Amino acid sequence: MRRFFAPPENFNDREIQLSLEESRHLRDVLRLHVGSTVAVFDGAGNEFVCLIETIGRRDENARLRIVEKTEPPAAESKLDLTLAVALLKGEKFDLVIQKAVELGVTRIVPLVTIRADVRIKDEREGQKKLERWQRIALEAAKQSGRAVVPEIKIPADFADFLEHSSGKRMLFAERGGENLNQSLYKNEERLTAVVGAEGGWEDDEIIAARASGFTVVTLGGRILRAETAAITFTALLQHLVGDLK
């Protein structure tokens, strides 16, 4: 069944209005018709079976009638996982968002670190990047069967992030950290995983993280690129204490 997204504010009693973008996809790409059955999720965990009532013209919103509430194709992980990653160039950060959403993260925090590959010039550029990341997260949620779209935070300064983070927190470093298996309890329900830039961490950043209560972990084996480390770290945590078996 074809899946579409509509935010909660687009729901009205038993009717849903799709955005113009989703309406164009329904009409011009998939070429669906009035009376076709589709699925719609709201990004907050709810999924519905719907019938297309009206499609409209090019600049009109498609309207759907809710038939019944149903279970999403993919369940949410029991692990509340925040993935914080130093800003990476171009498609590298896009890839991390896409795969992290597929793997079941709850939220993603871009970090400004000393060796971060990207510097955001102003608020306008930051907002533009945030909108792009949100679109990538939405498409990844749609593709992977999730009915929850993970939250993408605005880029945070690393020092501020350390100050305001809480719960079980782990920072990945290429060397000098603990073994991941020995750092986790099997009943962990909430975790924060932090991965640095391509150039790694400054010593002062690791010292500050430890002082803030972070456990520094090293995966061992080979040296990983930053985007590989972020995806691998997420997958391992979901395997050890989440729902990836």
Protein backbone atom coordinates (compact mmCIF):
# COMPACT_ATOMS: atom_id res chain seq x y z
CA MET A 1 0.00 0.00 0.00
CA ARG A 2 1.33 3.46 -0.94
CA ARG A 3 2.21 5.58 2.11
CA PHE A 4 1.84 9.33 2.50
CA PHE A 5 2.60 11.81 5.27
CA ALA A 6 0.28 14.45 6.70
CA PRO A 7 1.01 16.39 9.91
CA PRO A 8 -1.62 16.24 12.69
CA GLU A 9 -2.94 19.72 11.82
CA ASN A 10 -3.99 18.41 8.37
CA PHE A 11 -6.46 15.99 9.99
CA ASN A 12 -10.06 17.16 10.28
CA ASP A 13 -12.58 14.75 11.77
CA ARG A 14 -12.54 11.83 9.29
CA GLU A 15 -10.74 13.70 6.51
CA ILE A 16 -7.09 14.33 5.72
CA GLN A 17 -5.67 16.99 3.44
CA LEU A 18 -2.32 16.19 1.87
CA SER A 19 0.29 18.89 1.27
CA LEU A 20 0.79 20.13 -2.28
CA GLU A 21 4.03 18.14 -2.51
CA GLU A 22 2.41 14.90 -1.38
CA SER A 23 -0.62 15.61 -3.61
CA ARG A 24 1.62 16.03 -6.65
CA HIS A 25 3.39 12.78 -5.83
CA LEU A 26 0.05 10.98 -5.52
CA ARG A 27 -1.28 12.44 -8.77
CA ASP A 28 1.69 12.96 -11.10
CA VAL A 29 4.18 10.29 -10.01
CA LEU A 30 2.07 7.41 -8.73
CA ARG A 31 -0.96 8.32 -10.89
CA LEU A 32 -3.44 7.12 -8.29
CA HIS A 33 -7.16 7.64 -8.74
CA VAL A 34 -10.20 8.61 -6.69
CA GLY A 35 -11.25 5.54 -4.72
CA SER A 36 -7.73 4.12 -4.40
CA THR A 37 -6.71 2.87 -0.96
CA VAL A 38 -3.57 4.37 0.60
CA ALA A 39 -1.90 4.66 4.02
CA VAL A 40 -1.23 7.96 5.77
CA PHE A 41 0.95 8.51 8.85
CA ASP A 42 1.15 11.67 10.94
CA GLY A 43 4.78 11.59 12.10
CA ALA A 44 3.69 11.16 15.73
CA GLY A 45 3.16 7.39 15.60
CA ASN A 46 -0.32 7.12 14.09
CA GLU A 47 -1.16 5.39 10.80
CA PHE A 48 -4.46 5.22 8.93
CA VAL A 49 -5.97 3.38 5.98
CA CYS A 50 -7.63 5.95 3.73
CA LEU A 51 -9.57 6.29 0.49
CA ILE A 52 -8.77 9.05 -2.00
CA GLU A 53 -11.82 11.31 -2.24
CA THR A 54 -10.52 14.15 -4.41
CA ILE A 55 -7.22 14.63 -6.23
CA GLY A 56 -7.61 18.12 -7.65
CA ARG A 57 -5.56 19.96 -10.20
CA ARG A 58 -1.87 20.79 -10.14
CA ASP A 59 -2.04 23.40 -7.38
CA GLU A 60 -4.78 21.79 -5.31
CA ASN A 61 -4.54 19.52 -2.28
CA ALA A 62 -5.72 15.94 -2.45
CA ARG A 63 -8.28 14.96 0.19
CA LEU A 64 -8.60 11.54 1.73
CA ARG A 65 -11.25 9.88 3.89
CA ILE A 66 -10.08 7.87 6.90
CA VAL A 67 -11.35 4.29 6.82
CA GLU A 68 -9.64 2.99 9.94
CA LYS A 69 -6.62 3.39 12.18
CA THR A 70 -4.03 0.69 11.66
CA GLU A 71 -0.62 -0.40 12.90
CA PRO A 72 2.44 1.10 11.15
CA PRO A 73 4.47 -1.33 9.00
CA ALA A 74 7.41 -0.99 11.41
CA ALA A 75 7.23 -0.77 15.20
CA GLU A 76 9.23 1.83 17.09
CA SER A 77 12.31 0.75 19.00
CA LYS A 78 11.98 0.48 22.77
CA LEU A 79 15.22 2.46 22.99
CA ASP A 80 14.94 6.25 23.18
CA LEU A 81 18.14 7.04 21.28
CA THR A 82 19.56 10.50 20.66
CA LEU A 83 22.33 10.58 18.06
CA ALA A 84 24.53 13.68 18.19
CA VAL A 85 26.98 14.03 15.30
CA ALA A 86 29.52 16.69 14.41
CA LEU A 87 28.59 18.56 11.23
CA LEU A 88 29.92 16.77 8.15
CA LYS A 89 30.25 17.99 4.59
CA GLY A 90 27.40 17.67 2.11
CA GLU A 91 26.03 14.22 1.48
CA LYS A 92 27.90 12.66 4.41
CA PHE A 93 25.60 14.25 6.97
CA ASP A 94 22.57 13.54 4.76
CA LEU A 95 23.59 9.87 4.72
CA VAL A 96 23.89 9.77 8.52
CA ILE A 97 20.38 11.20 8.92
CA GLN A 98 18.87 8.79 6.42
CA LYS A 99 20.43 5.67 7.89
CA ALA A 100 19.96 6.72 11.51
CA VAL A 101 16.23 7.20 10.89
CA GLU A 102 16.05 3.78 9.21
CA LEU A 103 17.79 2.29 12.25
CA GLY A 104 15.24 3.78 14.65
CA VAL A 105 16.80 6.81 16.34
CA THR A 106 14.47 9.11 18.27
CA ARG A 107 16.22 12.40 17.54
CA ILE A 108 19.35 13.74 15.84
CA VAL A 109 21.46 16.66 17.07
CA PRO A 110 24.02 18.28 14.71
CA LEU A 111 27.05 19.39 16.70
CA VAL A 112 29.49 22.24 16.20
CA THR A 113 32.84 20.86 17.36
CA ILE A 114 36.38 22.17 17.06
CA ARG A 115 37.19 19.92 14.10
CA ALA A 116 33.73 19.95 12.51
CA ASP A 117 33.90 19.95 8.71
CA VAL A 118 31.14 22.55 8.30
CA ARG A 119 30.60 26.03 9.73
CA ILE A 120 27.16 27.61 9.56
CA LYS A 121 27.45 31.28 8.64
CA ASP A 122 24.17 32.62 9.95
CA GLU A 123 20.66 31.77 11.10
CA ARG A 124 19.31 31.75 7.53
CA GLU A 125 21.82 29.14 6.41
CA GLY A 126 21.14 27.09 9.53
CA GLN A 127 17.39 27.14 8.87
CA LYS A 128 17.91 26.11 5.25
CA LYS A 129 20.03 23.14 6.31
CA LEU A 130 17.52 22.18 9.00
CA GLU A 131 14.67 22.11 6.47
CA ARG A 132 16.73 19.88 4.19
CA TRP A 133 17.55 17.48 7.03
CA GLN A 134 13.89 17.35 8.06
CA ARG A 135 12.89 16.37 4.52
CA ILE A 136 15.50 13.61 4.49
CA ALA A 137 14.25 12.33 7.86
CA LEU A 138 10.65 12.34 6.61
CA GLU A 139 11.49 10.40 3.46
CA ALA A 140 13.56 7.88 5.44
CA ALA A 141 10.69 7.36 7.89
CA LYS A 142 8.28 6.85 5.01
CA GLN A 143 10.57 4.36 3.27
CA SER A 144 11.38 2.37 6.40
CA GLY A 145 7.77 1.99 7.53
CA ARG A 146 8.02 4.22 10.60
CA ALA A 147 5.03 6.32 11.63
CA VAL A 148 7.26 8.56 13.77
CA VAL A 149 9.49 11.16 12.13
CA PRO A 150 12.53 11.70 14.36
CA GLU A 151 13.17 15.23 15.52
CA ILE A 152 16.13 17.05 13.97
CA LYS A 153 17.47 19.67 16.36
CA ILE A 154 19.10 22.94 15.37
CA PRO A 155 22.93 22.71 15.40
CA ALA A 156 24.25 22.91 18.95
CA ASP A 157 27.62 24.02 20.27
CA PHE A 158 29.38 21.01 21.77
CA ALA A 159 29.97 22.68 25.14
CA ASP A 160 26.30 23.70 25.40
CA PHE A 161 25.22 20.19 24.43
CA LEU A 162 27.34 18.69 27.23
CA GLU A 163 25.81 21.06 29.75
CA HIS A 164 22.19 20.29 28.85
CA SER A 165 22.36 16.55 28.12
CA SER A 166 21.27 13.95 30.66
CA GLY A 167 20.77 10.20 31.14
CA LYS A 168 23.17 7.52 29.94
CA ARG A 169 25.61 9.22 27.55
CA MET A 170 28.34 7.73 25.41
CA LEU A 171 30.96 9.37 23.21
CA PHE A 172 32.73 7.46 20.46
CA ALA A 173 36.50 7.96 20.14
CA GLU A 174 38.96 6.09 17.98
CA ARG A 175 41.17 5.16 20.91
CA GLY A 176 41.40 5.30 24.68
CA GLY A 177 37.79 4.41 25.40
CA GLU A 178 36.02 1.51 27.08
CA ASN A 179 34.58 -1.57 25.41
CA LEU A 180 30.99 -0.93 24.33
CA ASN A 181 29.63 -4.22 25.67
CA GLN A 182 31.07 -3.52 29.09
CA SER A 183 29.62 0.00 29.18
CA LEU A 184 25.95 -0.90 28.68
CA TYR A 185 23.21 -2.45 30.77
CA LYS A 186 20.75 -4.61 28.84
CA ASN A 187 17.79 -2.71 30.31
CA GLU A 188 18.86 0.73 29.10
CA GLU A 189 15.82 2.66 27.88
CA ARG A 190 17.37 6.04 27.07
CA LEU A 191 20.76 6.70 25.53
CA THR A 192 22.69 9.57 23.97
CA ALA A 193 25.40 8.59 21.47
CA VAL A 194 27.92 11.19 20.30
CA VAL A 195 30.21 10.95 17.27
CA GLY A 196 32.82 13.53 16.28
CA ALA A 197 34.05 14.97 13.01
CA GLU A 198 36.27 13.36 10.39
CA GLY A 199 39.30 14.74 12.23
CA GLY A 200 38.19 13.33 15.57
CA TRP A 201 38.12 15.07 18.92
CA GLU A 202 40.41 17.56 20.60
CA ASP A 203 41.76 16.29 23.93
CA ASP A 204 39.95 19.11 25.74
CA GLU A 205 36.62 17.99 24.28
CA ILE A 206 37.09 14.43 25.52
CA ILE A 207 38.13 15.70 28.96
CA ALA A 208 35.04 17.94 29.07
CA ALA A 209 32.78 15.05 28.02
CA ARG A 210 34.15 12.79 30.75
CA ALA A 211 33.73 15.58 33.30
CA SER A 212 30.08 15.90 32.23
CA GLY A 213 29.43 12.21 32.86
CA PHE A 214 29.95 10.78 29.38
CA THR A 215 31.43 7.32 28.95
CA VAL A 216 34.05 7.30 26.20
CA VAL A 217 33.88 4.12 24.11
CA THR A 218 36.10 2.70 21.39
CA LEU A 219 34.81 0.09 18.96
CA GLY A 220 38.23 -1.31 18.11
CA GLY A 221 39.21 -2.81 14.80
CA ARG A 222 39.74 -0.41 11.94
CA ILE A 223 39.65 3.38 11.75
CA LEU A 224 36.17 4.43 10.65
CA ARG A 225 35.07 7.50 8.75
CA ALA A 226 32.80 9.76 10.78
CA GLU A 227 29.66 8.84 8.86
CA THR A 228 30.50 5.14 9.11
CA ALA A 229 31.11 5.47 12.85
CA ALA A 230 27.75 7.20 13.40
CA ILE A 231 25.81 4.54 11.50
CA THR A 232 27.76 1.66 13.07
CA PHE A 233 27.41 3.06 16.60
CA THR A 234 23.65 3.42 16.11
CA ALA A 235 23.28 -0.10 14.75
CA LEU A 236 25.28 -1.62 17.61
CA LEU A 237 23.27 0.20 20.26
CA GLN A 238 19.99 -0.89 18.67
CA HIS A 239 21.32 -4.46 18.55
CA LEU A 240 22.51 -4.50 22.16
CA VAL A 241 19.61 -2.74 23.90
CA GLY A 242 17.10 -1.83 21.19
CA ASP A 243 15.07 -3.85 18.71
CA LEU A 244 17.66 -4.78 16.08
CA LYS A 245 18.27 -8.50 16.59
